[in-house]
Amino acid sequence: MKRIGLISDTHHFLDDAVFTHFDQCDEIWHAGDVGSVEILDKLAQFKPLRAVYGNIDAKEVRWQAPEHQRFELEGFRVWMTHIGGAPPKYNPHVRPELVNATPDIFVCGHSHILRVMRDPQLHNMLYLNPGAAGREGFHKIRTLLRFVLDSGKISQMEVIELGKRG
């Protein structure tokens, strides 16, 4: 069993409340637009971290976080990338790979729109976008996701609101 804290689009701002909300998590996943190496370092010092870079991230973040993370955990094949689109309109660069090697869970950031949904056209793949946790962007509420992966089952999916963007 693994408890996961999912965050994205911090854009140079990491709310201290993240550490409280992710205190019981076993891993943190950051779906890009981190903003700085300092944010990666703070998260990695707190819990094991899997991260990808986003379109705003400078080379220092890109040196520490790849564009794509593909891994298996608790019976799930996971693919995390920053700009992936959303069902059914996926990024044209990732769509062929999604069709040919569909993961069980596809994690994206970028849109600042919180979404948790299944894609019945892609083997009922679970699509996760935690919205945006930072202060930059058009979103009104800063959000995170928290959930449990356990032997091929996902449970306890929670949306966490961090408050208003501004």
N, C-alpha and C. Protein backbone atom coordinates (compact mmCIF):
# COMPACT_ATOMS: atom_id res chain seq x y z
N MET A 1 0.84 -1.19 0.00
CA MET A 1 0.00 0.00 0.00
C MET A 1 0.88 1.25 0.00
N LYS A 2 0.52 2.20 -0.88
CA LYS A 2 1.23 3.47 -0.95
C LYS A 2 0.23 4.61 -0.92
N ARG A 3 0.45 5.55 -0.05
CA ARG A 3 -0.35 6.78 0.00
C ARG A 3 0.37 7.83 -0.83
N ILE A 4 -0.34 8.42 -1.78
CA ILE A 4 0.26 9.34 -2.74
C ILE A 4 -0.31 10.74 -2.55
N GLY A 5 0.57 11.72 -2.55
CA GLY A 5 0.18 13.12 -2.60
C GLY A 5 0.55 13.65 -3.97
N LEU A 6 -0.43 14.19 -4.69
CA LEU A 6 -0.22 14.66 -6.07
C LEU A 6 -0.39 16.17 -6.13
N ILE A 7 0.62 16.83 -6.68
CA ILE A 7 0.66 18.28 -6.76
C ILE A 7 1.14 18.69 -8.15
N SER A 8 0.76 19.86 -8.59
CA SER A 8 1.23 20.38 -9.87
C SER A 8 1.17 21.89 -9.87
N ASP A 9 1.87 22.47 -10.81
CA ASP A 9 1.80 23.90 -11.11
C ASP A 9 1.97 24.77 -9.87
N THR A 10 3.07 24.52 -9.16
CA THR A 10 3.39 25.35 -8.00
C THR A 10 3.93 26.71 -8.43
N HIS A 11 4.55 26.79 -9.58
CA HIS A 11 5.02 28.07 -10.14
C HIS A 11 5.78 28.91 -9.12
N HIS A 12 6.81 28.35 -8.52
CA HIS A 12 7.69 29.06 -7.58
C HIS A 12 7.08 29.25 -6.19
N PHE A 13 5.89 28.71 -5.91
CA PHE A 13 5.26 28.91 -4.60
C PHE A 13 4.83 27.57 -4.01
N LEU A 14 5.33 27.27 -2.83
CA LEU A 14 4.96 26.03 -2.14
C LEU A 14 4.33 26.39 -0.80
N ASP A 15 3.03 26.18 -0.71
CA ASP A 15 2.28 26.46 0.51
C ASP A 15 2.72 25.51 1.61
N ASP A 16 2.99 26.03 2.80
CA ASP A 16 3.39 25.18 3.93
C ASP A 16 2.34 24.14 4.27
N ALA A 17 1.07 24.40 3.93
CA ALA A 17 -0.01 23.46 4.22
C ALA A 17 0.18 22.13 3.47
N VAL A 18 0.94 22.15 2.37
CA VAL A 18 1.21 20.92 1.62
C VAL A 18 1.85 19.88 2.55
N PHE A 19 2.74 20.32 3.41
CA PHE A 19 3.44 19.39 4.30
C PHE A 19 2.49 18.75 5.32
N THR A 20 1.50 19.48 5.75
CA THR A 20 0.49 18.94 6.65
C THR A 20 -0.40 17.94 5.91
N HIS A 21 -0.87 18.33 4.74
CA HIS A 21 -1.77 17.47 3.97
C HIS A 21 -1.09 16.20 3.46
N PHE A 22 0.21 16.26 3.21
CA PHE A 22 0.94 15.11 2.70
C PHE A 22 1.74 14.39 3.79
N ASP A 23 1.50 14.73 5.03
CA ASP A 23 2.26 14.15 6.14
C ASP A 23 2.17 12.62 6.20
N GLN A 24 1.00 12.07 5.90
CA GLN A 24 0.80 10.62 5.96
C GLN A 24 1.08 9.92 4.64
N CYS A 25 1.52 10.67 3.63
CA CYS A 25 1.80 10.09 2.32
C CYS A 25 3.14 9.38 2.32
N ASP A 26 3.22 8.35 1.48
CA ASP A 26 4.48 7.62 1.31
C ASP A 26 5.33 8.24 0.20
N GLU A 27 4.66 8.85 -0.79
CA GLU A 27 5.35 9.49 -1.91
C GLU A 27 4.61 10.75 -2.30
N ILE A 28 5.36 11.67 -2.90
CA ILE A 28 4.78 12.87 -3.52
C ILE A 28 5.10 12.81 -5.00
N TRP A 29 4.08 13.09 -5.81
CA TRP A 29 4.27 13.20 -7.25
C TRP A 29 4.01 14.64 -7.63
N HIS A 30 4.94 15.26 -8.37
CA HIS A 30 4.77 16.64 -8.86
C HIS A 30 4.68 16.59 -10.37
N ALA A 31 3.55 17.05 -10.92
CA ALA A 31 3.28 16.94 -12.35
C ALA A 31 3.71 18.18 -13.15
N GLY A 32 4.75 18.85 -12.71
CA GLY A 32 5.38 19.88 -13.52
C GLY A 32 4.98 21.31 -13.24
N ASP A 33 5.72 22.23 -13.89
CA ASP A 33 5.69 23.66 -13.60
C ASP A 33 5.99 23.88 -12.12
N VAL A 34 7.13 23.34 -11.74
CA VAL A 34 7.62 23.41 -10.36
C VAL A 34 8.00 24.84 -10.03
N GLY A 35 8.85 25.41 -10.85
CA GLY A 35 9.27 26.79 -10.66
C GLY A 35 10.70 26.93 -10.18
N SER A 36 11.14 26.05 -9.28
CA SER A 36 12.50 26.18 -8.77
C SER A 36 13.00 24.86 -8.19
N VAL A 37 14.30 24.72 -8.19
CA VAL A 37 14.94 23.54 -7.59
C VAL A 37 14.66 23.51 -6.09
N GLU A 38 14.53 24.67 -5.48
CA GLU A 38 14.27 24.72 -4.03
C GLU A 38 12.97 23.99 -3.68
N ILE A 39 11.96 24.11 -4.54
CA ILE A 39 10.70 23.40 -4.28
C ILE A 39 10.91 21.90 -4.41
N LEU A 40 11.62 21.47 -5.43
CA LEU A 40 11.93 20.05 -5.55
C LEU A 40 12.69 19.55 -4.33
N ASP A 41 13.68 20.33 -3.89
CA ASP A 41 14.48 19.94 -2.73
C ASP A 41 13.65 19.83 -1.46
N LYS A 42 12.78 20.80 -1.22
CA LYS A 42 11.93 20.77 -0.01
C LYS A 42 11.02 19.55 -0.01
N LEU A 43 10.42 19.26 -1.17
CA LEU A 43 9.54 18.10 -1.26
C LEU A 43 10.32 16.80 -1.10
N ALA A 44 11.48 16.71 -1.74
CA ALA A 44 12.30 15.49 -1.69
C ALA A 44 12.87 15.25 -0.30
N GLN A 45 13.13 16.30 0.45
CA GLN A 45 13.61 16.14 1.83
C GLN A 45 12.48 15.68 2.75
N PHE A 46 11.25 15.97 2.37
CA PHE A 46 10.09 15.63 3.17
C PHE A 46 9.63 14.18 2.94
N LYS A 47 9.51 13.80 1.67
CA LYS A 47 9.03 12.46 1.28
C LYS A 47 9.71 12.06 -0.03
N PRO A 48 9.74 10.77 -0.35
CA PRO A 48 10.23 10.37 -1.67
C PRO A 48 9.41 11.09 -2.75
N LEU A 49 10.12 11.60 -3.76
CA LEU A 49 9.51 12.46 -4.77
C LEU A 49 9.70 11.90 -6.17
N ARG A 50 8.63 11.92 -6.95
CA ARG A 50 8.68 11.66 -8.38
C ARG A 50 8.17 12.94 -9.02
N ALA A 51 8.94 13.51 -9.93
CA ALA A 51 8.55 14.79 -10.54
C ALA A 51 8.89 14.80 -12.01
N VAL A 52 8.14 15.63 -12.75
CA VAL A 52 8.44 15.93 -14.15
C VAL A 52 8.55 17.44 -14.28
N TYR A 53 9.26 17.88 -15.30
CA TYR A 53 9.34 19.32 -15.51
C TYR A 53 8.17 19.78 -16.37
N GLY A 54 7.89 21.07 -16.27
CA GLY A 54 6.84 21.67 -17.08
C GLY A 54 7.40 22.75 -17.98
N ASN A 55 6.52 23.37 -18.73
CA ASN A 55 6.96 24.35 -19.73
C ASN A 55 7.58 25.60 -19.13
N ILE A 56 7.31 25.94 -17.87
CA ILE A 56 7.92 27.14 -17.28
C ILE A 56 9.24 26.83 -16.58
N ASP A 57 9.58 25.56 -16.47
CA ASP A 57 10.75 25.18 -15.68
C ASP A 57 12.06 25.39 -16.43
N ALA A 58 12.98 26.04 -15.75
CA ALA A 58 14.31 26.32 -16.30
C ALA A 58 15.18 25.06 -16.28
N LYS A 59 16.35 25.17 -16.86
CA LYS A 59 17.23 24.01 -17.01
C LYS A 59 17.61 23.38 -15.68
N GLU A 60 17.67 24.15 -14.61
CA GLU A 60 18.05 23.59 -13.31
C GLU A 60 17.00 22.57 -12.84
N VAL A 61 15.73 22.86 -13.06
CA VAL A 61 14.67 21.91 -12.71
C VAL A 61 14.70 20.74 -13.68
N ARG A 62 14.93 21.01 -14.95
CA ARG A 62 14.95 19.96 -15.98
C ARG A 62 16.11 18.97 -15.76
N TRP A 63 17.17 19.43 -15.13
CA TRP A 63 18.28 18.52 -14.82
C TRP A 63 17.87 17.51 -13.74
N GLN A 64 16.94 17.89 -12.89
CA GLN A 64 16.53 17.01 -11.78
C GLN A 64 15.26 16.23 -12.07
N ALA A 65 14.42 16.73 -12.97
CA ALA A 65 13.13 16.09 -13.25
C ALA A 65 13.01 15.89 -14.76
N PRO A 66 12.71 14.67 -15.21
CA PRO A 66 12.57 14.42 -16.64
C PRO A 66 11.25 14.96 -17.18
N GLU A 67 11.08 14.91 -18.48
CA GLU A 67 9.83 15.32 -19.10
C GLU A 67 8.72 14.30 -18.83
N HIS A 68 9.09 13.03 -18.77
CA HIS A 68 8.14 11.95 -18.54
C HIS A 68 8.64 11.06 -17.42
N GLN A 69 7.73 10.59 -16.61
CA GLN A 69 8.03 9.54 -15.63
C GLN A 69 7.09 8.38 -15.94
N ARG A 70 7.67 7.23 -16.19
CA ARG A 70 6.90 6.01 -16.38
C ARG A 70 7.40 5.01 -15.35
N PHE A 71 6.47 4.46 -14.59
CA PHE A 71 6.87 3.54 -13.54
C PHE A 71 5.69 2.64 -13.18
N GLU A 72 6.00 1.58 -12.44
CA GLU A 72 4.97 0.69 -11.92
C GLU A 72 5.00 0.77 -10.41
N LEU A 73 3.80 0.81 -9.84
CA LEU A 73 3.68 0.91 -8.39
C LEU A 73 2.37 0.26 -7.96
N GLU A 74 2.46 -0.66 -7.02
CA GLU A 74 1.28 -1.32 -6.45
C GLU A 74 0.34 -1.90 -7.51
N GLY A 75 0.94 -2.47 -8.58
CA GLY A 75 0.14 -3.10 -9.61
C GLY A 75 -0.39 -2.15 -10.67
N PHE A 76 0.02 -0.89 -10.64
CA PHE A 76 -0.42 0.10 -11.62
C PHE A 76 0.74 0.52 -12.50
N ARG A 77 0.46 0.65 -13.80
CA ARG A 77 1.40 1.27 -14.73
C ARG A 77 1.03 2.75 -14.78
N VAL A 78 1.99 3.60 -14.43
CA VAL A 78 1.74 5.04 -14.31
C VAL A 78 2.60 5.79 -15.32
N TRP A 79 2.00 6.78 -15.95
CA TRP A 79 2.73 7.70 -16.81
C TRP A 79 2.38 9.11 -16.35
N MET A 80 3.41 9.86 -15.99
CA MET A 80 3.23 11.25 -15.58
C MET A 80 4.01 12.16 -16.52
N THR A 81 3.34 13.18 -17.03
CA THR A 81 3.95 14.19 -17.87
C THR A 81 3.20 15.50 -17.65
N HIS A 82 3.80 16.61 -17.98
CA HIS A 82 3.16 17.88 -17.68
C HIS A 82 2.05 18.22 -18.67
N ILE A 83 2.38 18.23 -19.96
CA ILE A 83 1.40 18.63 -20.97
C ILE A 83 0.89 17.39 -21.69
N GLY A 84 -0.21 16.86 -21.20
CA GLY A 84 -0.77 15.64 -21.77
C GLY A 84 -2.15 15.81 -22.37
N GLY A 85 -2.74 17.00 -22.16
CA GLY A 85 -4.12 17.17 -22.61
C GLY A 85 -5.06 16.53 -21.60
N ALA A 86 -6.27 16.25 -22.05
CA ALA A 86 -7.27 15.62 -21.19
C ALA A 86 -8.24 14.84 -22.07
N PRO A 87 -8.86 13.81 -21.51
CA PRO A 87 -9.80 13.03 -22.31
C PRO A 87 -10.91 13.90 -22.87
N PRO A 88 -11.25 13.73 -24.12
CA PRO A 88 -10.66 12.85 -25.14
C PRO A 88 -9.62 13.58 -25.99
N LYS A 89 -9.29 14.82 -25.63
CA LYS A 89 -8.37 15.64 -26.43
C LYS A 89 -6.97 15.64 -25.82
N TYR A 90 -6.23 14.61 -26.12
CA TYR A 90 -4.87 14.49 -25.61
C TYR A 90 -3.90 15.26 -26.49
N ASN A 91 -2.78 15.62 -25.91
CA ASN A 91 -1.69 16.24 -26.65
C ASN A 91 -1.31 15.31 -27.81
N PRO A 92 -1.19 15.86 -29.04
CA PRO A 92 -0.88 14.99 -30.18
C PRO A 92 0.46 14.26 -30.06
N HIS A 93 1.35 14.76 -29.22
CA HIS A 93 2.64 14.08 -29.03
C HIS A 93 2.52 12.86 -28.12
N VAL A 94 1.55 12.86 -27.21
CA VAL A 94 1.40 11.72 -26.31
C VAL A 94 0.30 10.75 -26.74
N ARG A 95 -0.64 11.22 -27.54
CA ARG A 95 -1.79 10.38 -27.92
C ARG A 95 -1.39 9.03 -28.52
N PRO A 96 -0.47 8.99 -29.50
CA PRO A 96 -0.12 7.68 -30.07
C PRO A 96 0.42 6.71 -29.02
N GLU A 97 1.20 7.21 -28.10
CA GLU A 97 1.74 6.34 -27.07
C GLU A 97 0.66 5.90 -26.08
N LEU A 98 -0.28 6.79 -25.79
CA LEU A 98 -1.41 6.42 -24.93
C LEU A 98 -2.23 5.30 -25.57
N VAL A 99 -2.41 5.38 -26.87
CA VAL A 99 -3.20 4.37 -27.58
C VAL A 99 -2.44 3.04 -27.65
N ASN A 100 -1.14 3.10 -27.93
CA ASN A 100 -0.35 1.89 -28.13
C ASN A 100 0.08 1.22 -26.84
N ALA A 101 0.30 2.00 -25.78
CA ALA A 101 0.74 1.44 -24.50
C ALA A 101 0.03 2.19 -23.37
N THR A 102 -1.26 1.95 -23.28
CA THR A 102 -2.10 2.69 -22.33
C THR A 102 -1.69 2.36 -20.89
N PRO A 103 -1.35 3.40 -20.12
CA PRO A 103 -1.07 3.15 -18.70
C PRO A 103 -2.39 2.96 -17.94
N ASP A 104 -2.29 2.50 -16.73
CA ASP A 104 -3.48 2.41 -15.88
C ASP A 104 -3.86 3.78 -15.35
N ILE A 105 -2.83 4.59 -15.08
CA ILE A 105 -3.03 5.94 -14.56
C ILE A 105 -2.19 6.91 -15.38
N PHE A 106 -2.83 7.96 -15.89
CA PHE A 106 -2.15 9.01 -16.65
C PHE A 106 -2.28 10.31 -15.86
N VAL A 107 -1.13 10.85 -15.47
CA VAL A 107 -1.08 12.05 -14.62
C VAL A 107 -0.54 13.22 -15.42
N CYS A 108 -1.26 14.34 -15.39
CA CYS A 108 -0.84 15.55 -16.08
C CYS A 108 -1.03 16.76 -15.17
N GLY A 109 -0.42 17.83 -15.57
CA GLY A 109 -0.64 19.14 -14.96
C GLY A 109 -1.04 20.09 -16.08
N HIS A 110 -0.47 21.28 -16.05
CA HIS A 110 -0.52 22.29 -17.10
C HIS A 110 -1.82 23.07 -17.20
N SER A 111 -2.97 22.43 -17.20
CA SER A 111 -4.23 23.13 -17.46
C SER A 111 -4.72 23.96 -16.27
N HIS A 112 -4.21 23.65 -15.08
CA HIS A 112 -4.68 24.28 -13.83
C HIS A 112 -6.12 23.89 -13.53
N ILE A 113 -6.63 22.87 -14.22
CA ILE A 113 -8.01 22.41 -14.02
C ILE A 113 -7.98 21.05 -13.34
N LEU A 114 -8.53 20.98 -12.16
CA LEU A 114 -8.61 19.73 -11.41
C LEU A 114 -9.55 18.77 -12.13
N ARG A 115 -9.04 17.55 -12.43
CA ARG A 115 -9.87 16.54 -13.08
C ARG A 115 -9.45 15.16 -12.60
N VAL A 116 -10.43 14.37 -12.27
CA VAL A 116 -10.25 12.95 -11.97
C VAL A 116 -11.33 12.24 -12.75
N MET A 117 -10.92 11.46 -13.75
CA MET A 117 -11.92 10.81 -14.60
C MET A 117 -11.34 9.57 -15.28
N ARG A 118 -12.23 8.71 -15.69
CA ARG A 118 -11.85 7.53 -16.47
C ARG A 118 -12.05 7.84 -17.95
N ASP A 119 -11.21 7.23 -18.77
CA ASP A 119 -11.37 7.35 -20.22
C ASP A 119 -11.80 5.99 -20.77
N PRO A 120 -13.10 5.82 -21.04
CA PRO A 120 -13.58 4.53 -21.53
C PRO A 120 -13.01 4.16 -22.91
N GLN A 121 -12.55 5.16 -23.66
CA GLN A 121 -11.97 4.88 -24.98
C GLN A 121 -10.55 4.32 -24.88
N LEU A 122 -9.92 4.48 -23.72
CA LEU A 122 -8.56 3.97 -23.52
C LEU A 122 -8.55 2.99 -22.34
N HIS A 123 -9.30 1.92 -22.47
CA HIS A 123 -9.30 0.83 -21.50
C HIS A 123 -9.63 1.28 -20.09
N ASN A 124 -10.47 2.30 -19.98
CA ASN A 124 -10.90 2.82 -18.69
C ASN A 124 -9.73 3.41 -17.88
N MET A 125 -8.72 3.91 -18.59
CA MET A 125 -7.56 4.52 -17.96
C MET A 125 -8.01 5.64 -17.01
N LEU A 126 -7.36 5.74 -15.86
CA LEU A 126 -7.66 6.81 -14.92
C LEU A 126 -6.80 8.02 -15.24
N TYR A 127 -7.45 9.15 -15.49
CA TYR A 127 -6.78 10.41 -15.79
C TYR A 127 -6.81 11.27 -14.53
N LEU A 128 -5.64 11.76 -14.12
CA LEU A 128 -5.54 12.61 -12.93
C LEU A 128 -4.83 13.91 -13.26
N ASN A 129 -5.46 15.02 -12.90
CA ASN A 129 -4.81 16.32 -12.94
C ASN A 129 -5.19 17.00 -11.62
N PRO A 130 -4.19 17.30 -10.78
CA PRO A 130 -4.50 17.85 -9.46
C PRO A 130 -4.85 19.33 -9.45
N GLY A 131 -4.95 19.94 -10.62
CA GLY A 131 -5.17 21.39 -10.67
C GLY A 131 -3.85 22.09 -10.38
N ALA A 132 -3.93 23.28 -9.83
CA ALA A 132 -2.72 24.07 -9.57
C ALA A 132 -2.62 24.41 -8.09
N ALA A 133 -1.41 24.25 -7.55
CA ALA A 133 -1.17 24.56 -6.13
C ALA A 133 -0.50 25.91 -5.94
N GLY A 134 -0.10 26.54 -7.04
CA GLY A 134 0.59 27.83 -6.95
C GLY A 134 -0.35 29.01 -7.05
N ARG A 135 0.25 30.18 -7.06
CA ARG A 135 -0.52 31.43 -7.09
C ARG A 135 -0.67 32.01 -8.49
N GLU A 136 0.08 31.49 -9.45
CA GLU A 136 0.01 32.04 -10.81
C GLU A 136 -0.95 31.22 -11.66
N GLY A 137 -1.72 31.93 -12.50
CA GLY A 137 -2.65 31.26 -13.39
C GLY A 137 -4.06 31.79 -13.21
N PHE A 138 -4.99 31.18 -13.92
CA PHE A 138 -6.38 31.64 -13.91
C PHE A 138 -7.25 30.90 -12.91
N HIS A 139 -6.74 29.84 -12.30
CA HIS A 139 -7.54 29.07 -11.35
C HIS A 139 -7.92 29.95 -10.16
N LYS A 140 -9.03 29.64 -9.55
CA LYS A 140 -9.48 30.44 -8.40
C LYS A 140 -9.07 29.82 -7.08
N ILE A 141 -9.08 28.49 -7.01
CA ILE A 141 -8.74 27.76 -5.78
C ILE A 141 -7.52 26.88 -6.06
N ARG A 142 -6.56 26.90 -5.15
CA ARG A 142 -5.37 26.06 -5.25
C ARG A 142 -5.71 24.67 -4.71
N THR A 143 -5.35 23.63 -5.47
CA THR A 143 -5.77 22.27 -5.14
C THR A 143 -4.65 21.24 -5.20
N LEU A 144 -4.87 20.14 -4.50
CA LEU A 144 -4.00 18.96 -4.48
C LEU A 144 -4.90 17.73 -4.57
N LEU A 145 -4.30 16.57 -4.84
CA LEU A 145 -5.00 15.30 -4.73
C LEU A 145 -4.22 14.39 -3.78
N ARG A 146 -4.96 13.55 -3.09
CA ARG A 146 -4.35 12.55 -2.22
C ARG A 146 -5.15 11.27 -2.39
N PHE A 147 -4.44 10.12 -2.49
CA PHE A 147 -5.12 8.84 -2.72
C PHE A 147 -4.22 7.70 -2.30
N VAL A 148 -4.80 6.50 -2.31
CA VAL A 148 -4.08 5.29 -1.92
C VAL A 148 -4.07 4.32 -3.09
N LEU A 149 -2.90 3.74 -3.35
CA LEU A 149 -2.74 2.64 -4.30
C LEU A 149 -2.41 1.39 -3.49
N ASP A 150 -3.16 0.32 -3.74
CA ASP A 150 -2.94 -0.90 -2.96
C ASP A 150 -3.27 -2.12 -3.81
N SER A 151 -2.24 -2.81 -4.25
CA SER A 151 -2.39 -4.07 -4.99
C SER A 151 -3.42 -3.99 -6.12
N GLY A 152 -3.27 -3.00 -6.99
CA GLY A 152 -4.15 -2.87 -8.14
C GLY A 152 -5.48 -2.18 -7.85
N LYS A 153 -5.64 -1.64 -6.67
CA LYS A 153 -6.86 -0.91 -6.31
C LYS A 153 -6.50 0.50 -5.88
N ILE A 154 -7.31 1.44 -6.33
CA ILE A 154 -7.13 2.84 -5.94
C ILE A 154 -8.30 3.22 -5.03
N SER A 155 -8.00 3.91 -3.96
CA SER A 155 -9.06 4.28 -3.01
C SER A 155 -8.72 5.59 -2.33
N GLN A 156 -9.65 6.06 -1.53
CA GLN A 156 -9.49 7.24 -0.70
C GLN A 156 -9.06 8.48 -1.51
N MET A 157 -9.60 8.62 -2.72
CA MET A 157 -9.29 9.78 -3.56
C MET A 157 -9.87 11.02 -2.88
N GLU A 158 -9.00 11.98 -2.58
CA GLU A 158 -9.43 13.20 -1.91
C GLU A 158 -8.93 14.43 -2.66
N VAL A 159 -9.81 15.39 -2.80
CA VAL A 159 -9.43 16.71 -3.30
C VAL A 159 -9.16 17.58 -2.10
N ILE A 160 -8.01 18.23 -2.09
CA ILE A 160 -7.66 19.13 -0.99
C ILE A 160 -7.60 20.54 -1.53
N GLU A 161 -8.33 21.42 -0.92
CA GLU A 161 -8.31 22.83 -1.30
C GLU A 161 -7.39 23.60 -0.36
N LEU A 162 -6.46 24.34 -0.95
CA LEU A 162 -5.49 25.12 -0.18
C LEU A 162 -5.91 26.57 0.03
N GLY A 163 -7.01 26.95 -0.58
CA GLY A 163 -7.48 28.34 -0.46
C GLY A 163 -7.40 29.04 -1.80
N LYS A 164 -7.75 30.31 -1.76
CA LYS A 164 -7.79 31.11 -2.99
C LYS A 164 -6.39 31.34 -3.54
N ARG A 165 -6.36 31.52 -4.85
CA ARG A 165 -5.09 31.70 -5.57
C ARG A 165 -4.33 32.92 -5.07
N GLY A 166 -5.00 34.01 -4.89
CA GLY A 166 -4.34 35.28 -4.56
C GLY A 166 -4.01 35.48 -3.17
